[in-house]
Amino acid sequence: MIDLTNPVLLLPLLVIVLGVIAVGKKIKNPYIVLVLVGLNIGLLLYHFLKMGSDVDEQKVFFSMALDFGLLLITFISYLWVDNIKAKESGAKVINDGISWFWDKI
């Protein structure tokens, strides 16, 4: 099982996520960050499917909570980088995607 309660797995995962977000912002490509969103959804589904097996449920629930947090961070980052790219290219987008997201919440 991918146990995110283990700092040996969690810290490199956070470094990779933040690094990919920084690269996506630097080259102004939101699709790189969108790949992270998909991977986080896959990780969340993996932990959801592990709930019924014979693993420690507390670790699975904590890992799922971290999955949701990472999913939120990567989704907001995707909207942010997409907004940066749209402003640079002059494309018509939703009026400030991050504000749109917070209005829906």
C-alpha atoms as a PDB file:
ATOM      1  CA  MET A   1       0.000   0.000   0.000  1.00  0.00           C
ATOM      2  CA  ILE A   2       1.124   3.559  -0.663  1.00  0.00           C
ATOM      3  CA  ASP A   3       1.216   4.794   2.929  1.00  0.00           C
ATOM      4  CA  LEU A   4       1.281   8.586   3.046  1.00  0.00           C
ATOM      5  CA  THR A   5       1.628   8.514   6.841  1.00  0.00           C
ATOM      6  CA  ASN A   6       5.269   7.577   6.236  1.00  0.00           C
ATOM      7  CA  PRO A   7       7.390  10.767   6.004  1.00  0.00           C
ATOM      8  CA  VAL A   8       9.822   8.967   3.678  1.00  0.00           C
ATOM      9  CA  LEU A   9       7.045   8.868   1.064  1.00  0.00           C
ATOM     10  CA  LEU A  10       5.231  12.073   1.963  1.00  0.00           C
ATOM     11  CA  LEU A  11       8.126  14.537   1.795  1.00  0.00           C
ATOM     12  CA  PRO A  12       9.364  13.517  -1.681  1.00  0.00           C
ATOM     13  CA  LEU A  13       5.754  13.537  -2.896  1.00  0.00           C
ATOM     14  CA  LEU A  14       5.311  17.115  -1.671  1.00  0.00           C
ATOM     15  CA  VAL A  15       8.623  18.177  -3.236  1.00  0.00           C
ATOM     16  CA  ILE A  16       7.620  16.616  -6.566  1.00  0.00           C
ATOM     17  CA  VAL A  17       4.168  18.243  -6.509  1.00  0.00           C
ATOM     18  CA  LEU A  18       5.564  21.683  -5.703  1.00  0.00           C
ATOM     19  CA  GLY A  19       8.318  21.246  -8.284  1.00  0.00           C
ATOM     20  CA  VAL A  20       5.887  20.309 -11.037  1.00  0.00           C
ATOM     21  CA  ILE A  21       3.674  23.274 -10.149  1.00  0.00           C
ATOM     22  CA  ALA A  22       6.705  25.589 -10.314  1.00  0.00           C
ATOM     23  CA  VAL A  23       7.756  24.156 -13.697  1.00  0.00           C
ATOM     24  CA  GLY A  24       4.199  24.501 -15.010  1.00  0.00           C
ATOM     25  CA  LYS A  25       4.124  28.148 -13.908  1.00  0.00           C
ATOM     26  CA  LYS A  26       7.555  28.889 -15.335  1.00  0.00           C
ATOM     27  CA  ILE A  27       6.779  27.534 -18.808  1.00  0.00           C
ATOM     28  CA  LYS A  28       3.121  28.625 -18.519  1.00  0.00           C
ATOM     29  CA  ASN A  29       1.697  25.216 -19.360  1.00  0.00           C
ATOM     30  CA  PRO A  30      -1.357  24.305 -17.251  1.00  0.00           C
ATOM     31  CA  TYR A  31      -1.568  20.796 -18.723  1.00  0.00           C
ATOM     32  CA  ILE A  32       1.508  19.734 -16.754  1.00  0.00           C
ATOM     33  CA  VAL A  33      -0.358  20.608 -13.567  1.00  0.00           C
ATOM     34  CA  LEU A  34      -3.485  18.913 -14.939  1.00  0.00           C
ATOM     35  CA  VAL A  35      -1.516  15.656 -15.076  1.00  0.00           C
ATOM     36  CA  LEU A  36      -0.928  16.056 -11.332  1.00  0.00           C
ATOM     37  CA  VAL A  37      -4.659  16.495 -10.789  1.00  0.00           C
ATOM     38  CA  GLY A  38      -5.271  13.206 -12.622  1.00  0.00           C
ATOM     39  CA  LEU A  39      -2.576  11.418 -10.637  1.00  0.00           C
ATOM     40  CA  ASN A  40      -4.039  12.686  -7.368  1.00  0.00           C
ATOM     41  CA  ILE A  41      -7.481  11.440  -8.390  1.00  0.00           C
ATOM     42  CA  GLY A  42      -5.918   8.058  -9.175  1.00  0.00           C
ATOM     43  CA  LEU A  43      -4.165   7.995  -5.795  1.00  0.00           C
ATOM     44  CA  LEU A  44      -7.434   8.860  -4.066  1.00  0.00           C
ATOM     45  CA  LEU A  45      -9.232   6.041  -5.893  1.00  0.00           C
ATOM     46  CA  TYR A  46      -6.425   3.656  -4.950  1.00  0.00           C
ATOM     47  CA  HIS A  47      -6.792   4.503  -1.267  1.00  0.00           C
ATOM     48  CA  PHE A  48     -10.578   4.281  -1.535  1.00  0.00           C
ATOM     49  CA  LEU A  49     -10.308   0.758  -2.921  1.00  0.00           C
ATOM     50  CA  LYS A  50      -7.861  -0.195  -0.149  1.00  0.00           C
ATOM     51  CA  MET A  51     -10.405   0.697   2.554  1.00  0.00           C
ATOM     52  CA  GLY A  52     -12.099  -2.686   2.479  1.00  0.00           C
ATOM     53  CA  SER A  53      -8.923  -4.763   2.604  1.00  0.00           C
ATOM     54  CA  ASP A  54      -7.019  -5.877   5.683  1.00  0.00           C
ATOM     55  CA  VAL A  55      -4.905  -2.743   6.165  1.00  0.00           C
ATOM     56  CA  ASP A  56      -4.887  -0.245   9.019  1.00  0.00           C
ATOM     57  CA  GLU A  57      -7.977   1.918   8.405  1.00  0.00           C
ATOM     58  CA  GLN A  58      -6.559   4.883  10.295  1.00  0.00           C
ATOM     59  CA  LYS A  59      -3.594   5.052   7.914  1.00  0.00           C
ATOM     60  CA  VAL A  60      -5.910   4.755   4.917  1.00  0.00           C
ATOM     61  CA  PHE A  61      -8.152   7.569   6.191  1.00  0.00           C
ATOM     62  CA  PHE A  62      -5.142   9.806   6.850  1.00  0.00           C
ATOM     63  CA  SER A  63      -3.785   9.031   3.388  1.00  0.00           C
ATOM     64  CA  MET A  64      -7.172   9.874   1.864  1.00  0.00           C
ATOM     65  CA  ALA A  65      -7.240  13.181   3.746  1.00  0.00           C
ATOM     66  CA  LEU A  66      -3.807  14.005   2.333  1.00  0.00           C
ATOM     67  CA  ASP A  67      -5.029  12.970  -1.126  1.00  0.00           C
ATOM     68  CA  PHE A  68      -7.920  15.425  -0.859  1.00  0.00           C
ATOM     69  CA  GLY A  69      -5.544  18.176   0.280  1.00  0.00           C
ATOM     70  CA  LEU A  70      -3.146  17.523  -2.586  1.00  0.00           C
ATOM     71  CA  LEU A  71      -6.055  17.396  -5.015  1.00  0.00           C
ATOM     72  CA  LEU A  72      -7.269  20.788  -3.819  1.00  0.00           C
ATOM     73  CA  ILE A  73      -3.780  22.284  -4.061  1.00  0.00           C
ATOM     74  CA  THR A  74      -3.165  20.926  -7.558  1.00  0.00           C
ATOM     75  CA  PHE A  75      -6.616  21.955  -8.830  1.00  0.00           C
ATOM     76  CA  ILE A  76      -6.181  25.518  -7.565  1.00  0.00           C
ATOM     77  CA  SER A  77      -2.673  25.545  -9.078  1.00  0.00           C
ATOM     78  CA  TYR A  78      -4.103  24.373 -12.403  1.00  0.00           C
ATOM     79  CA  LEU A  79      -6.612  27.260 -12.385  1.00  0.00           C
ATOM     80  CA  TRP A  80      -3.835  29.680 -11.445  1.00  0.00           C
ATOM     81  CA  VAL A  81      -1.417  28.590 -14.183  1.00  0.00           C
ATOM     82  CA  ASP A  82      -4.258  28.473 -16.729  1.00  0.00           C
ATOM     83  CA  ASN A  83      -5.182  32.036 -15.801  1.00  0.00           C
ATOM     84  CA  ILE A  84      -1.548  33.138 -16.214  1.00  0.00           C
ATOM     85  CA  LYS A  85      -1.364  31.546 -19.663  1.00  0.00           C
ATOM     86  CA  ALA A  86      -4.702  33.018 -20.740  1.00  0.00           C
ATOM     87  CA  LYS A  87      -3.721  36.528 -19.687  1.00  0.00           C
ATOM     88  CA  GLU A  88      -0.428  36.220 -21.563  1.00  0.00           C
ATOM     89  CA  SER A  89      -2.008  34.983 -24.784  1.00  0.00           C
ATOM     90  CA  GLY A  90      -5.071  37.229 -24.547  1.00  0.00           C
ATOM     91  CA  ALA A  91      -7.463  34.283 -24.753  1.00  0.00           C
ATOM     92  CA  LYS A  92     -10.986  34.517 -23.436  1.00  0.00           C
ATOM     93  CA  VAL A  93     -11.395  32.491 -20.255  1.00  0.00           C
ATOM     94  CA  ILE A  94     -13.654  32.410 -17.248  1.00  0.00           C
ATOM     95  CA  ASN A  95     -13.282  35.699 -15.439  1.00  0.00           C
ATOM     96  CA  ASP A  96     -10.476  34.745 -13.078  1.00  0.00           C
ATOM     97  CA  GLY A  97     -10.756  30.963 -12.678  1.00  0.00           C
ATOM     98  CA  ILE A  98      -9.692  30.986  -9.045  1.00  0.00           C
ATOM     99  CA  SER A  99     -12.446  33.459  -8.126  1.00  0.00           C
ATOM    100  CA  TRP A 100     -14.904  31.285 -10.059  1.00  0.00           C
ATOM    101  CA  PHE A 101     -13.806  28.290  -7.992  1.00  0.00           C
ATOM    102  CA  TRP A 102     -14.216  30.072  -4.660  1.00  0.00           C
ATOM    103  CA  ASP A 103     -17.626  31.440  -5.706  1.00  0.00           C
ATOM    104  CA  LYS A 104     -18.813  27.874  -6.358  1.00  0.00           C
ATOM    105  CA  ILE A 105     -17.706  26.782  -2.879  1.00  0.00           C
END
